[in-house]
Amino acid sequence: MPKDQPMEPHGPADPPDLQALRIDLLRQAVEIYLSLAYPSTGLPDVVRRRLEWTPGLDPMTLLSNPPFERANRAGSGKNMIFALRLGNYRYPHMKLQVQPWPNAAGFLLSVNTHDQVLALDPNSPDLEAFRELQAENQRLKEAIEQAWDQAGLPIFLRYLREYIENRSSGEV
């Protein structure tokens, strides 16, 4: 990471830009995600359809249209986060997320389990099953992000490690 690059992502004065996003890296991230999210089952048809991207689209056009979704509100003053709902073998709402970031790749990948918005009554008979689902989603999230890191794809923990290494070596 260059010395003059701040740890924080671009602010409102620096509009986020994913125009340089390499689609091949995004496809690699999707392949890794799917191999872990659907280890012994075929992909649902809806997921297969979400992977039929028009060839030759520039990154911002691809990310700004279905099947990608905005994961944060437009005009919120935050970086744009784009999500692709890929689900997993037990839960259809888990998402791969892409957001601009001031690193060499220009973006970060993350997994949003998309299961924290639900609140169940503590006395609900479904509470234990829901907590088991959340635990499995968290396990998958961590496994996917670790696999991305091992493949050299940009995730926050990689960025943080590099930032700390650069700080400790006096490069920042």
Protein backbone atom coordinates (compact mmCIF):
# COMPACT_ATOMS: atom_id res chain seq x y z
CA MET A 1 0.00 0.00 0.00
CA PRO A 2 1.46 3.43 -0.89
CA LYS A 3 2.58 5.62 1.99
CA ASP A 4 0.16 8.42 1.18
CA GLN A 5 -2.93 6.23 1.17
CA PRO A 6 -5.16 6.71 4.24
CA MET A 7 -6.69 3.79 6.10
CA GLU A 8 -10.18 5.19 5.72
CA PRO A 9 -12.20 4.59 2.57
CA HIS A 10 -12.95 7.47 0.23
CA GLY A 11 -15.09 10.17 1.81
CA PRO A 12 -17.87 12.23 0.23
CA ALA A 13 -15.28 14.51 -1.40
CA ASP A 14 -13.83 11.48 -3.23
CA PRO A 15 -16.71 9.75 -4.97
CA PRO A 16 -16.35 5.99 -4.85
CA ASP A 17 -15.39 4.46 -8.13
CA LEU A 18 -15.41 0.80 -9.02
CA GLN A 19 -14.83 1.49 -12.71
CA ALA A 20 -11.45 -0.28 -12.51
CA LEU A 21 -12.89 -3.39 -10.85
CA ARG A 22 -11.60 -6.47 -12.63
CA ILE A 23 -14.58 -8.64 -13.55
CA ASP A 24 -12.32 -11.72 -13.61
CA LEU A 25 -11.53 -11.16 -9.91
CA LEU A 26 -15.22 -10.74 -9.15
CA ARG A 27 -15.97 -14.00 -10.98
CA GLN A 28 -13.17 -15.72 -9.03
CA ALA A 29 -14.72 -14.46 -5.78
CA VAL A 30 -18.12 -15.79 -6.88
CA GLU A 31 -16.66 -19.21 -7.72
CA ILE A 32 -14.97 -19.48 -4.32
CA TYR A 33 -18.14 -18.33 -2.56
CA LEU A 34 -20.32 -20.87 -4.36
CA SER A 35 -17.92 -23.77 -3.78
CA LEU A 36 -18.24 -23.23 -0.03
CA ALA A 37 -21.87 -22.12 0.13
CA TYR A 38 -23.14 -25.10 -1.89
CA PRO A 39 -20.57 -27.83 -1.11
CA SER A 40 -22.64 -30.86 -2.09
CA THR A 41 -25.75 -29.45 -3.70
CA GLY A 42 -26.35 -27.98 -7.11
CA LEU A 43 -26.93 -24.28 -7.48
CA PRO A 44 -30.53 -23.13 -7.33
CA ASP A 45 -31.83 -21.89 -10.69
CA VAL A 46 -32.29 -18.38 -9.31
CA VAL A 47 -28.59 -18.22 -8.39
CA ARG A 48 -27.58 -19.60 -11.78
CA ARG A 49 -29.62 -16.85 -13.47
CA ARG A 50 -27.94 -14.19 -11.30
CA LEU A 51 -24.60 -15.26 -12.76
CA GLU A 52 -25.63 -14.67 -16.38
CA TRP A 53 -23.91 -11.31 -16.82
CA THR A 54 -23.88 -9.56 -20.16
CA PRO A 55 -20.34 -9.87 -21.55
CA GLY A 56 -18.35 -6.70 -22.04
CA LEU A 57 -20.20 -4.51 -19.54
CA ASP A 58 -18.06 -2.01 -17.69
CA PRO A 59 -17.93 -2.68 -13.93
CA MET A 60 -20.18 0.19 -12.84
CA THR A 61 -22.89 -0.76 -15.33
CA LEU A 62 -22.73 -4.37 -14.17
CA LEU A 63 -22.87 -3.47 -10.47
CA SER A 64 -25.55 -0.80 -10.87
CA ASN A 65 -28.12 -3.13 -12.42
CA PRO A 66 -29.84 -6.39 -11.51
CA PRO A 67 -28.89 -8.93 -10.33
CA PHE A 68 -26.72 -6.64 -8.18
CA GLU A 69 -28.41 -4.60 -5.46
CA ARG A 70 -27.38 -1.48 -3.57
CA ALA A 71 -26.59 -2.59 -0.03
CA ASN A 72 -26.79 0.94 1.35
CA ARG A 73 -29.09 3.83 0.62
CA ALA A 74 -28.18 6.17 -2.23
CA GLY A 75 -27.15 9.58 -0.96
CA SER A 76 -26.26 8.23 2.48
CA GLY A 77 -22.82 9.86 2.23
CA LYS A 78 -21.19 6.44 2.47
CA ASN A 79 -19.37 4.47 -0.16
CA MET A 80 -21.56 2.55 -2.52
CA ILE A 81 -21.80 -1.08 -1.53
CA PHE A 82 -23.11 -3.49 -4.12
CA ALA A 83 -24.45 -6.91 -3.22
CA LEU A 84 -25.13 -10.08 -5.14
CA ARG A 85 -27.60 -12.38 -3.41
CA LEU A 86 -26.11 -15.86 -3.78
CA GLY A 87 -27.41 -17.49 -0.60
CA ASN A 88 -26.16 -20.80 0.67
CA TYR A 89 -27.41 -24.36 0.91
CA ARG A 90 -29.65 -23.50 3.90
CA TYR A 91 -30.41 -19.82 3.52
CA PRO A 92 -31.16 -17.94 0.27
CA HIS A 93 -30.41 -14.39 1.45
CA MET A 94 -26.66 -14.37 2.14
CA LYS A 95 -24.82 -11.93 -0.16
CA LEU A 96 -21.44 -11.27 -1.69
CA GLN A 97 -20.65 -7.56 -1.30
CA VAL A 98 -18.28 -5.30 -3.23
CA GLN A 99 -17.30 -1.82 -2.13
CA PRO A 100 -14.69 0.72 -3.23
CA TRP A 101 -11.64 0.88 -0.96
CA PRO A 102 -8.29 2.69 -1.11
CA ASN A 103 -6.14 -0.39 -1.63
CA ALA A 104 -4.23 -1.70 -4.63
CA ALA A 105 -7.31 -3.52 -5.98
CA GLY A 106 -9.57 -0.49 -5.43
CA PHE A 107 -12.24 -2.56 -3.69
CA LEU A 108 -13.03 -4.93 -0.83
CA LEU A 109 -15.11 -8.08 -0.81
CA SER A 110 -17.23 -9.21 2.09
CA VAL A 111 -20.03 -11.60 2.91
CA ASN A 112 -23.22 -10.24 4.44
CA THR A 113 -25.08 -13.03 6.22
CA HIS A 114 -28.23 -10.90 5.99
CA ASP A 115 -29.68 -12.61 9.04
CA GLN A 116 -29.16 -9.92 11.67
CA VAL A 117 -32.22 -7.87 10.75
CA LEU A 118 -34.63 -10.46 12.02
CA ALA A 119 -35.61 -10.48 15.67
CA LEU A 120 -37.43 -13.41 17.12
CA ASP A 121 -39.38 -13.45 20.32
CA PRO A 122 -37.12 -14.99 23.00
CA ASN A 123 -39.98 -17.37 23.78
CA SER A 124 -40.44 -18.44 20.16
CA PRO A 125 -40.18 -22.17 19.51
CA ASP A 126 -38.12 -21.29 16.40
CA LEU A 127 -35.47 -19.38 18.34
CA GLU A 128 -32.99 -22.27 18.67
CA ALA A 129 -33.27 -23.21 14.99
CA PHE A 130 -32.77 -19.57 13.97
CA ARG A 131 -29.67 -19.26 16.18
CA GLU A 132 -28.28 -22.45 14.61
CA LEU A 133 -28.88 -20.94 11.17
CA GLN A 134 -27.09 -17.73 12.21
CA ALA A 135 -24.14 -19.76 13.53
CA GLU A 136 -23.88 -21.72 10.25
CA ASN A 137 -24.14 -18.51 8.22
CA GLN A 138 -21.33 -16.98 10.31
CA ARG A 139 -19.18 -20.10 9.83
CA LEU A 140 -19.72 -19.90 6.05
CA LYS A 141 -18.97 -16.17 5.99
CA GLU A 142 -15.67 -16.72 7.77
CA ALA A 143 -14.74 -19.69 5.55
CA ILE A 144 -15.52 -17.76 2.35
CA GLU A 145 -13.61 -14.67 3.43
CA GLN A 146 -10.64 -16.81 4.53
CA ALA A 147 -10.65 -18.58 1.15
CA TRP A 148 -10.74 -15.21 -0.62
CA ASP A 149 -7.80 -14.07 1.49
CA GLN A 150 -5.85 -17.25 0.66
CA ALA A 151 -6.56 -16.59 -3.03
CA GLY A 152 -5.15 -13.07 -2.67
CA LEU A 153 -8.51 -11.35 -3.09
CA PRO A 154 -9.07 -8.09 -1.17
CA ILE A 155 -10.90 -8.44 2.13
CA PHE A 156 -10.83 -6.12 5.12
CA LEU A 157 -8.64 -8.35 7.31
CA ARG A 158 -5.99 -8.49 4.53
CA TYR A 159 -6.15 -4.71 4.22
CA LEU A 160 -5.84 -4.32 7.99
CA ARG A 161 -2.88 -6.74 8.19
CA GLU A 162 -1.07 -4.87 5.42
CA TYR A 163 -1.82 -1.53 7.04
CA ILE A 164 -0.44 -2.70 10.41
CA GLU A 165 2.63 -4.23 8.75
CA ASN A 166 3.29 -0.99 6.88
CA ARG A 167 2.80 1.08 10.05
CA SER A 168 5.18 -1.09 12.04
CA SER A 169 7.82 -0.91 9.29
CA GLY A 170 7.41 2.88 9.08
CA GLU A 171 5.96 2.91 5.55
CA VAL A 172 2.72 4.74 6.36
